[in-house]
Amino acid sequence: MWDNESERIGKQMCTPRGYKLHGISDVLGFIGLLLFLGTCGYLGVKSFSGSFHARLLWLLAIPVWMGIVGSVIYRYSWTLAKRKGWSYDYEKREASWMENGQLQKFKWKAEPTAAASPTVGRQEVDGQ
């Protein structure tokens, strides 16, 4: 979960590939959770109908495997960001990283808008 739009968009600007991997890991985790719940339901139905066999327990390995793969992808996405010197200041709500030898900073600045307006904020990148 992201603390702020500054963190999310800052990671996307720092490492687009890492950001995409982060999204893939979230999707894998969600699918794994749904598969885990579905598998437990399936095994419960099999148990109540009297057709449960212990060999069906291997089905639980699929969502567990998906969770592990998602976790590895998630950690790798943050490793890509850390390689660029990624940091996030929770007090200032500002993301920063190094790009081409220069410190890049990003802070989301929300603008007050009308409820019907699709524009919610603007982006600002500072290169020093």
Protein backbone atom coordinates (compact mmCIF):
# COMPACT_ATOMS: atom_id res chain seq x y z
CA MET A 1 0.00 0.00 0.00
CA TRP A 2 1.26 3.44 -0.86
CA ASP A 3 1.60 6.17 1.77
CA ASN A 4 0.92 8.97 -0.67
CA GLU A 5 0.71 9.72 -4.39
CA SER A 6 4.21 11.17 -4.09
CA GLU A 7 5.54 7.74 -3.19
CA ARG A 8 3.63 5.90 -5.91
CA ILE A 9 4.32 8.30 -8.77
CA GLY A 10 7.87 8.87 -7.52
CA LYS A 11 8.61 5.15 -7.81
CA GLN A 12 7.01 5.11 -11.26
CA MET A 13 9.24 7.98 -12.37
CA CYS A 14 12.33 6.49 -10.73
CA THR A 15 11.99 3.02 -12.22
CA PRO A 16 9.09 2.38 -14.61
CA ARG A 17 10.11 -1.28 -14.89
CA GLY A 18 10.13 -1.68 -11.10
CA TYR A 19 6.74 0.01 -10.90
CA LYS A 20 5.29 -2.42 -13.46
CA LEU A 21 6.77 -5.36 -11.56
CA HIS A 22 5.22 -3.99 -8.37
CA GLY A 23 1.81 -4.00 -10.07
CA ILE A 24 2.33 -7.54 -11.38
CA SER A 25 3.22 -8.73 -7.88
CA ASP A 26 0.04 -7.15 -6.50
CA VAL A 27 -2.07 -8.90 -9.14
CA LEU A 28 -0.37 -12.25 -8.45
CA GLY A 29 -1.00 -11.83 -4.73
CA PHE A 30 -4.66 -11.03 -5.30
CA ILE A 31 -5.16 -13.99 -7.65
CA GLY A 32 -3.32 -16.21 -5.15
CA LEU A 33 -5.65 -15.07 -2.37
CA LEU A 34 -8.72 -15.80 -4.50
CA LEU A 35 -7.33 -19.22 -5.43
CA PHE A 36 -6.60 -19.97 -1.79
CA LEU A 37 -10.17 -19.13 -0.77
CA GLY A 38 -11.57 -21.08 -3.71
CA THR A 39 -9.38 -24.09 -2.96
CA CYS A 40 -10.40 -24.07 0.70
CA GLY A 41 -14.04 -23.91 -0.37
CA TYR A 42 -13.53 -26.75 -2.83
CA LEU A 43 -11.82 -28.91 -0.20
CA GLY A 44 -14.60 -28.08 2.26
CA VAL A 45 -17.26 -29.19 -0.23
CA LYS A 46 -15.31 -32.38 -0.91
CA SER A 47 -15.05 -33.00 2.83
CA PHE A 48 -18.78 -32.55 3.46
CA SER A 49 -19.72 -34.72 0.47
CA GLY A 50 -17.52 -37.54 1.70
CA SER A 51 -15.27 -37.59 -1.36
CA PHE A 52 -12.25 -35.89 0.21
CA HIS A 53 -8.86 -37.55 -0.29
CA ALA A 54 -5.61 -36.41 1.27
CA ARG A 55 -4.02 -36.26 -2.17
CA LEU A 56 -6.20 -33.20 -2.90
CA LEU A 57 -4.16 -31.14 -0.43
CA TRP A 58 -1.55 -30.52 -3.12
CA LEU A 59 -4.01 -28.01 -4.57
CA LEU A 60 -3.08 -25.67 -1.70
CA ALA A 61 0.44 -25.48 -3.10
CA ILE A 62 -0.73 -23.45 -6.12
CA PRO A 63 -1.86 -20.31 -4.22
CA VAL A 64 1.11 -20.61 -1.84
CA TRP A 65 3.46 -20.77 -4.83
CA MET A 66 1.77 -17.72 -6.37
CA GLY A 67 2.22 -15.83 -3.11
CA ILE A 68 5.92 -16.68 -2.99
CA VAL A 69 6.48 -15.67 -6.62
CA GLY A 70 4.56 -12.42 -6.05
CA SER A 71 6.66 -11.67 -2.98
CA VAL A 72 9.92 -12.27 -4.86
CA ILE A 73 8.79 -9.97 -7.71
CA TYR A 74 7.74 -7.31 -5.17
CA ARG A 75 11.14 -7.38 -3.45
CA TYR A 76 12.93 -7.24 -6.79
CA SER A 77 10.89 -4.17 -7.80
CA TRP A 78 12.11 -2.36 -4.68
CA THR A 79 15.67 -3.53 -5.33
CA LEU A 80 15.52 -1.79 -8.71
CA ALA A 81 14.42 1.42 -6.98
CA LYS A 82 17.11 1.14 -4.29
CA ARG A 83 19.79 0.81 -6.99
CA LYS A 84 18.89 4.34 -8.07
CA GLY A 85 19.16 5.63 -4.52
CA TRP A 86 15.40 5.74 -3.98
CA SER A 87 14.24 7.27 -0.73
CA TYR A 88 10.95 8.60 0.53
CA ASP A 89 10.56 11.22 3.25
CA TYR A 90 7.34 10.44 5.10
CA GLU A 91 7.24 13.81 6.88
CA LYS A 92 7.71 15.90 3.72
CA ARG A 93 5.91 13.33 1.56
CA GLU A 94 8.64 13.62 -1.03
CA ALA A 95 10.29 10.95 -3.16
CA SER A 96 13.89 11.30 -4.30
CA TRP A 97 16.35 9.28 -6.37
CA MET A 98 19.51 9.70 -8.42
CA GLU A 99 19.29 9.89 -12.19
CA ASN A 100 22.25 10.68 -14.47
CA GLY A 101 24.24 11.82 -11.44
CA GLN A 102 21.59 14.34 -10.39
CA LEU A 103 19.21 14.20 -7.46
CA GLN A 104 15.61 14.08 -8.64
CA LYS A 105 12.76 14.94 -6.27
CA PHE A 106 9.05 14.51 -6.67
CA LYS A 107 6.22 15.80 -4.54
CA TRP A 108 2.55 15.54 -5.44
CA LYS A 109 0.74 18.83 -5.06
CA ALA A 110 -3.02 18.49 -5.06
CA GLU A 111 -5.02 21.34 -6.48
CA PRO A 112 -8.51 22.21 -5.30
CA THR A 113 -10.83 21.38 -8.18
CA ALA A 114 -14.52 21.18 -8.88
CA ALA A 115 -16.12 17.78 -8.30
CA ALA A 116 -16.87 17.37 -12.01
CA SER A 117 -13.30 18.11 -13.12
CA PRO A 118 -11.19 15.03 -14.02
CA THR A 119 -7.97 16.84 -13.07
CA VAL A 120 -7.10 16.10 -9.46
CA GLY A 121 -3.54 17.35 -9.13
CA ARG A 122 -0.37 18.14 -10.92
CA GLN A 123 3.09 16.68 -10.98
CA GLU A 124 6.25 18.52 -10.14
CA VAL A 125 9.75 17.21 -10.61
CA ASP A 126 12.75 19.10 -9.33
CA GLY A 127 16.20 18.31 -10.69
CA GLN A 128 19.16 19.81 -8.86
